[in-house]
Amino acid sequence: MDIAFSYDLDWDDYLDSQMTHNRHSEAVKRGIRKTRTGMLSFYVFVLLVLYPALASPVRAIVLCAVFALGAAHIALVPKLYELRVARLSRRLIKRASSDKAIGPKKLVVKDGQVSCKAKSGTIRIEIAAVTELLESERNFFVFFGEAAPVIFPKEAEGDREGPRSVFELLKEQKAAYEAEADTKAEAGSAPV
């Protein structure tokens, strides 16, 4: 089944790809857990130091304030991280501005390959090379290795069905490829 459609990208789409990838990244989740653990240790230490240092009436007020601040700070770590990454990513994107990255593109899915044609050239990806398929509120992403993903919007030139059908087709082909690879791996590891 061959599917093709044209669309335009802007810098917000690249930022969206970075933020979506971070939301699904195990490394980012692990980093947030480590940050929360470190902050919890810090706030427990502060509470333990302040408790004997303050007199009774002031102690209750200060300890409640420190506890509330610590709880809010720890709870907001993922959102603070996301805001920081968005700010830094915008800065990097503006510095690396290249007219080749934005503008019209054409996505073609044919014979187990994804092709994305743009001003800068054509990217061809075999389904076997796809590492992750993600979506956000406005875009679909096809990740392959460490390179930037192929980005395509959920609505291209007023068409919502074309992009959705491409994404679903890619998910089916990726699942079929992985099932085939698992079958081969099991067959190869079976005792003779």
C-alpha atoms as a PDB file:
ATOM      1  CA  MET A   1       0.000   0.000   0.000  1.00  0.00           C
ATOM      2  CA  ASP A   2       1.473   3.337  -1.069  1.00  0.00           C
ATOM      3  CA  ILE A   3       0.526   6.563   0.691  1.00  0.00           C
ATOM      4  CA  ALA A   4       1.823  10.067  -0.010  1.00  0.00           C
ATOM      5  CA  PHE A   5       0.911  13.582   1.111  1.00  0.00           C
ATOM      6  CA  SER A   6       2.491  17.043   1.342  1.00  0.00           C
ATOM      7  CA  TYR A   7       2.752  19.339   4.344  1.00  0.00           C
ATOM      8  CA  ASP A   8       4.691  22.253   5.870  1.00  0.00           C
ATOM      9  CA  LEU A   9       6.768  22.316   9.062  1.00  0.00           C
ATOM     10  CA  ASP A  10       7.816  25.239  11.230  1.00  0.00           C
ATOM     11  CA  TRP A  11      10.165  25.551  14.213  1.00  0.00           C
ATOM     12  CA  ASP A  12       7.383  24.788  16.701  1.00  0.00           C
ATOM     13  CA  ASP A  13       7.099  21.315  15.161  1.00  0.00           C
ATOM     14  CA  TYR A  14      10.776  20.642  15.919  1.00  0.00           C
ATOM     15  CA  LEU A  15      10.291  21.871  19.491  1.00  0.00           C
ATOM     16  CA  ASP A  16       7.235  19.607  19.746  1.00  0.00           C
ATOM     17  CA  SER A  17       9.358  16.632  18.670  1.00  0.00           C
ATOM     18  CA  GLN A  18      11.937  17.352  21.387  1.00  0.00           C
ATOM     19  CA  MET A  19       9.310  17.737  24.097  1.00  0.00           C
ATOM     20  CA  THR A  20       7.411  14.593  23.027  1.00  0.00           C
ATOM     21  CA  HIS A  21      10.596  12.546  22.962  1.00  0.00           C
ATOM     22  CA  ASN A  22      11.523  13.766  26.454  1.00  0.00           C
ATOM     23  CA  ARG A  23       8.074  12.848  27.821  1.00  0.00           C
ATOM     24  CA  HIS A  24       8.600   9.244  26.662  1.00  0.00           C
ATOM     25  CA  SER A  25      12.309   8.921  27.458  1.00  0.00           C
ATOM     26  CA  GLU A  26      13.299   6.499  30.221  1.00  0.00           C
ATOM     27  CA  ALA A  27      16.546   8.437  30.740  1.00  0.00           C
ATOM     28  CA  VAL A  28      14.590  11.643  31.418  1.00  0.00           C
ATOM     29  CA  LYS A  29      12.218   9.845  33.784  1.00  0.00           C
ATOM     30  CA  ARG A  30      15.198   8.351  35.624  1.00  0.00           C
ATOM     31  CA  GLY A  31      16.805  11.807  35.886  1.00  0.00           C
ATOM     32  CA  ILE A  32      13.599  13.276  37.328  1.00  0.00           C
ATOM     33  CA  ARG A  33      13.408  10.470  39.904  1.00  0.00           C
ATOM     34  CA  LYS A  34      17.039  11.124  40.921  1.00  0.00           C
ATOM     35  CA  THR A  35      16.358  14.857  41.200  1.00  0.00           C
ATOM     36  CA  ARG A  36      13.292  14.240  43.360  1.00  0.00           C
ATOM     37  CA  THR A  37      15.240  11.879  45.628  1.00  0.00           C
ATOM     38  CA  GLY A  38      18.029  14.429  46.028  1.00  0.00           C
ATOM     39  CA  MET A  39      15.572  17.216  46.772  1.00  0.00           C
ATOM     40  CA  LEU A  40      13.738  15.047  49.313  1.00  0.00           C
ATOM     41  CA  SER A  41      17.051  14.370  51.076  1.00  0.00           C
ATOM     42  CA  PHE A  42      17.856  18.076  51.097  1.00  0.00           C
ATOM     43  CA  TYR A  43      14.492  19.104  52.552  1.00  0.00           C
ATOM     44  CA  VAL A  44      14.624  16.369  55.220  1.00  0.00           C
ATOM     45  CA  PHE A  45      18.101  17.611  56.176  1.00  0.00           C
ATOM     46  CA  VAL A  46      16.829  21.209  56.405  1.00  0.00           C
ATOM     47  CA  LEU A  47      13.923  20.125  58.606  1.00  0.00           C
ATOM     48  CA  LEU A  48      16.250  18.143  60.887  1.00  0.00           C
ATOM     49  CA  VAL A  49      18.644  21.089  61.221  1.00  0.00           C
ATOM     50  CA  LEU A  50      15.913  23.662  61.849  1.00  0.00           C
ATOM     51  CA  TYR A  51      13.928  21.640  64.373  1.00  0.00           C
ATOM     52  CA  PRO A  52      16.330  21.962  67.322  1.00  0.00           C
ATOM     53  CA  ALA A  53      17.462  25.462  66.274  1.00  0.00           C
ATOM     54  CA  LEU A  54      14.084  27.151  66.630  1.00  0.00           C
ATOM     55  CA  ALA A  55      11.899  27.913  69.647  1.00  0.00           C
ATOM     56  CA  SER A  56       8.437  26.296  69.937  1.00  0.00           C
ATOM     57  CA  PRO A  57       6.055  28.913  68.435  1.00  0.00           C
ATOM     58  CA  VAL A  58       8.368  29.827  65.568  1.00  0.00           C
ATOM     59  CA  ARG A  59       9.368  26.206  64.993  1.00  0.00           C
ATOM     60  CA  ALA A  60       5.873  25.135  63.925  1.00  0.00           C
ATOM     61  CA  ILE A  61       5.467  28.010  61.468  1.00  0.00           C
ATOM     62  CA  VAL A  62       8.929  27.647  59.892  1.00  0.00           C
ATOM     63  CA  LEU A  63       8.808  23.851  59.687  1.00  0.00           C
ATOM     64  CA  CYS A  64       5.337  23.944  58.077  1.00  0.00           C
ATOM     65  CA  ALA A  65       6.541  26.539  55.559  1.00  0.00           C
ATOM     66  CA  VAL A  66       9.679  24.506  54.709  1.00  0.00           C
ATOM     67  CA  PHE A  67       7.604  21.322  54.428  1.00  0.00           C
ATOM     68  CA  ALA A  68       5.075  23.025  52.097  1.00  0.00           C
ATOM     69  CA  LEU A  69       7.859  24.549  49.976  1.00  0.00           C
ATOM     70  CA  GLY A  70       9.655  21.195  49.734  1.00  0.00           C
ATOM     71  CA  ALA A  71       6.496  19.293  48.814  1.00  0.00           C
ATOM     72  CA  ALA A  72       5.573  21.823  46.112  1.00  0.00           C
ATOM     73  CA  HIS A  73       9.141  21.916  44.759  1.00  0.00           C
ATOM     74  CA  ILE A  74       9.366  18.111  44.563  1.00  0.00           C
ATOM     75  CA  ALA A  75       5.912  17.808  42.976  1.00  0.00           C
ATOM     76  CA  LEU A  76       6.752  20.401  40.307  1.00  0.00           C
ATOM     77  CA  VAL A  77      10.088  18.874  39.207  1.00  0.00           C
ATOM     78  CA  PRO A  78       8.698  17.367  35.929  1.00  0.00           C
ATOM     79  CA  LYS A  79       7.016  20.635  34.913  1.00  0.00           C
ATOM     80  CA  LEU A  80      10.090  22.709  35.819  1.00  0.00           C
ATOM     81  CA  TYR A  81      12.261  20.325  33.782  1.00  0.00           C
ATOM     82  CA  GLU A  82       9.905  20.587  30.806  1.00  0.00           C
ATOM     83  CA  LEU A  83       9.920  24.403  30.936  1.00  0.00           C
ATOM     84  CA  ARG A  84      13.724  24.483  31.145  1.00  0.00           C
ATOM     85  CA  VAL A  85      14.135  22.091  28.207  1.00  0.00           C
ATOM     86  CA  ALA A  86      11.617  24.077  26.142  1.00  0.00           C
ATOM     87  CA  ARG A  87      13.495  27.315  26.820  1.00  0.00           C
ATOM     88  CA  LEU A  88      16.880  25.785  25.957  1.00  0.00           C
ATOM     89  CA  SER A  89      15.499  24.018  22.879  1.00  0.00           C
ATOM     90  CA  ARG A  90      13.979  27.253  21.556  1.00  0.00           C
ATOM     91  CA  ARG A  91      17.343  28.954  21.985  1.00  0.00           C
ATOM     92  CA  LEU A  92      19.156  26.146  20.143  1.00  0.00           C
ATOM     93  CA  ILE A  93      16.582  26.068  17.362  1.00  0.00           C
ATOM     94  CA  LYS A  94      16.845  29.822  16.839  1.00  0.00           C
ATOM     95  CA  ARG A  95      20.659  29.631  16.674  1.00  0.00           C
ATOM     96  CA  ALA A  96      20.594  26.724  14.238  1.00  0.00           C
ATOM     97  CA  SER A  97      17.962  28.321  12.057  1.00  0.00           C
ATOM     98  CA  SER A  98      18.226  26.960   8.590  1.00  0.00           C
ATOM     99  CA  ASP A  99      15.622  27.511   5.936  1.00  0.00           C
ATOM    100  CA  LYS A 100      16.238  23.961   4.739  1.00  0.00           C
ATOM    101  CA  ALA A 101      14.615  22.422   7.820  1.00  0.00           C
ATOM    102  CA  ILE A 102      11.327  24.274   7.619  1.00  0.00           C
ATOM    103  CA  GLY A 103       8.921  24.598   4.749  1.00  0.00           C
ATOM    104  CA  PRO A 104       7.230  22.180   2.368  1.00  0.00           C
ATOM    105  CA  LYS A 105       7.833  18.455   2.625  1.00  0.00           C
ATOM    106  CA  LYS A 106       6.374  15.337   1.058  1.00  0.00           C
ATOM    107  CA  LEU A 107       6.029  12.059   2.917  1.00  0.00           C
ATOM    108  CA  VAL A 108       5.807   8.789   0.988  1.00  0.00           C
ATOM    109  CA  VAL A 109       5.336   5.310   2.463  1.00  0.00           C
ATOM    110  CA  LYS A 110       6.105   2.651  -0.119  1.00  0.00           C
ATOM    111  CA  ASP A 111       7.502  -0.877  -0.105  1.00  0.00           C
ATOM    112  CA  GLY A 112       8.432  -0.915   3.597  1.00  0.00           C
ATOM    113  CA  GLN A 113      10.198   2.448   3.372  1.00  0.00           C
ATOM    114  CA  VAL A 114       9.396   5.924   4.628  1.00  0.00           C
ATOM    115  CA  SER A 115      10.681   8.744   2.418  1.00  0.00           C
ATOM    116  CA  CYS A 116      10.580  12.389   3.406  1.00  0.00           C
ATOM    117  CA  LYS A 117      11.371  14.817   0.591  1.00  0.00           C
ATOM    118  CA  ALA A 118      12.376  18.392   1.451  1.00  0.00           C
ATOM    119  CA  LYS A 119      14.532  21.256   0.158  1.00  0.00           C
ATOM    120  CA  SER A 120      17.555  19.754   1.884  1.00  0.00           C
ATOM    121  CA  GLY A 121      17.155  16.372   0.198  1.00  0.00           C
ATOM    122  CA  THR A 122      15.391  13.077   0.733  1.00  0.00           C
ATOM    123  CA  ILE A 123      15.546  10.862   3.802  1.00  0.00           C
ATOM    124  CA  ARG A 124      14.751   7.174   3.278  1.00  0.00           C
ATOM    125  CA  ILE A 125      14.152   4.949   6.265  1.00  0.00           C
ATOM    126  CA  GLU A 126      13.575   1.210   6.247  1.00  0.00           C
ATOM    127  CA  ILE A 127      10.889   0.067   8.684  1.00  0.00           C
ATOM    128  CA  ALA A 128      13.588  -2.046  10.372  1.00  0.00           C
ATOM    129  CA  ALA A 129      15.456   1.160  11.297  1.00  0.00           C
ATOM    130  CA  VAL A 130      12.460   2.762  13.036  1.00  0.00           C
ATOM    131  CA  THR A 131      13.124   2.794  16.778  1.00  0.00           C
ATOM    132  CA  GLU A 132      10.041   4.596  18.009  1.00  0.00           C
ATOM    133  CA  LEU A 133       6.715   5.941  16.752  1.00  0.00           C
ATOM    134  CA  LEU A 134       5.265   8.733  18.893  1.00  0.00           C
ATOM    135  CA  GLU A 135       2.526  11.307  18.607  1.00  0.00           C
ATOM    136  CA  SER A 136       1.704  14.594  20.284  1.00  0.00           C
ATOM    137  CA  GLU A 137      -1.377  16.768  20.123  1.00  0.00           C
ATOM    138  CA  ARG A 138      -0.327  18.210  16.768  1.00  0.00           C
ATOM    139  CA  ASN A 139       2.264  15.877  15.165  1.00  0.00           C
ATOM    140  CA  PHE A 140       3.369  12.310  14.497  1.00  0.00           C
ATOM    141  CA  PHE A 141       7.056  11.359  14.855  1.00  0.00           C
ATOM    142  CA  VAL A 142       9.087   8.543  13.317  1.00  0.00           C
ATOM    143  CA  PHE A 143      12.321   8.145  15.273  1.00  0.00           C
ATOM    144  CA  PHE A 144      15.239   6.214  13.833  1.00  0.00           C
ATOM    145  CA  GLY A 145      18.457   6.054  15.813  1.00  0.00           C
ATOM    146  CA  GLU A 146      20.034   9.218  17.123  1.00  0.00           C
ATOM    147  CA  ALA A 147      19.037  11.347  14.146  1.00  0.00           C
ATOM    148  CA  ALA A 148      16.239  13.889  14.199  1.00  0.00           C
ATOM    149  CA  PRO A 149      12.867  12.250  13.615  1.00  0.00           C
ATOM    150  CA  VAL A 150      10.689  12.468  10.568  1.00  0.00           C
ATOM    151  CA  ILE A 151       7.910  14.811  11.655  1.00  0.00           C
ATOM    152  CA  PHE A 152       4.528  15.050  10.001  1.00  0.00           C
ATOM    153  CA  PRO A 153       1.432  16.880  11.226  1.00  0.00           C
ATOM    154  CA  LYS A 154      -1.822  15.242  12.218  1.00  0.00           C
ATOM    155  CA  GLU A 155      -3.549  17.438   9.665  1.00  0.00           C
ATOM    156  CA  ALA A 156      -1.950  18.062   6.273  1.00  0.00           C
ATOM    157  CA  GLU A 157      -3.669  20.498   3.911  1.00  0.00           C
ATOM    158  CA  GLY A 158      -7.014  19.928   5.648  1.00  0.00           C
ATOM    159  CA  ASP A 159      -6.657  16.137   5.495  1.00  0.00           C
ATOM    160  CA  ARG A 160      -6.720  14.314   8.844  1.00  0.00           C
ATOM    161  CA  GLU A 161      -7.149  10.800   7.437  1.00  0.00           C
ATOM    162  CA  GLY A 162      -3.966  10.697   5.316  1.00  0.00           C
ATOM    163  CA  PRO A 163      -1.507  11.371   8.145  1.00  0.00           C
ATOM    164  CA  ARG A 164      -3.413   9.101  10.571  1.00  0.00           C
ATOM    165  CA  SER A 165      -3.466   6.254   8.023  1.00  0.00           C
ATOM    166  CA  VAL A 166       0.305   6.659   7.454  1.00  0.00           C
ATOM    167  CA  PHE A 167       0.961   6.513  11.181  1.00  0.00           C
ATOM    168  CA  GLU A 168      -1.255   3.439  11.633  1.00  0.00           C
ATOM    169  CA  LEU A 169       0.373   1.741   8.620  1.00  0.00           C
ATOM    170  CA  LEU A 170       3.833   2.403  10.072  1.00  0.00           C
ATOM    171  CA  LYS A 171       2.763   0.975  13.439  1.00  0.00           C
ATOM    172  CA  GLU A 172       1.416  -2.165  11.726  1.00  0.00           C
ATOM    173  CA  GLN A 173       4.558  -2.606   9.617  1.00  0.00           C
ATOM    174  CA  LYS A 174       6.837  -2.052  12.627  1.00  0.00           C
ATOM    175  CA  ALA A 175       4.851  -4.579  14.708  1.00  0.00           C
ATOM    176  CA  ALA A 176       4.998  -7.112  11.852  1.00  0.00           C
ATOM    177  CA  TYR A 177       8.749  -6.593  11.465  1.00  0.00           C
ATOM    178  CA  GLU A 178       9.330  -6.990  15.224  1.00  0.00           C
ATOM    179  CA  ALA A 179       7.151 -10.134  15.346  1.00  0.00           C
ATOM    180  CA  GLU A 180       9.126 -11.598  12.439  1.00  0.00           C
ATOM    181  CA  ALA A 181      12.433 -10.725  14.123  1.00  0.00           C
ATOM    182  CA  ASP A 182      11.262 -12.321  17.397  1.00  0.00           C
ATOM    183  CA  THR A 183      10.212 -15.483  15.543  1.00  0.00           C
ATOM    184  CA  LYS A 184      13.616 -15.701  13.863  1.00  0.00           C
ATOM    185  CA  ALA A 185      15.392 -15.111  17.166  1.00  0.00           C
ATOM    186  CA  GLU A 186      13.360 -17.854  18.896  1.00  0.00           C
ATOM    187  CA  ALA A 187      13.975 -20.260  16.026  1.00  0.00           C
ATOM    188  CA  GLY A 188      17.693 -19.522  16.145  1.00  0.00           C
ATOM    189  CA  SER A 189      17.941 -20.086  19.900  1.00  0.00           C
ATOM    190  CA  ALA A 190      15.877 -23.306  19.998  1.00  0.00           C
ATOM    191  CA  PRO A 191      17.850 -26.429  20.949  1.00  0.00           C
ATOM    192  CA  VAL A 192      18.567 -28.902  18.172  1.00  0.00           C
END
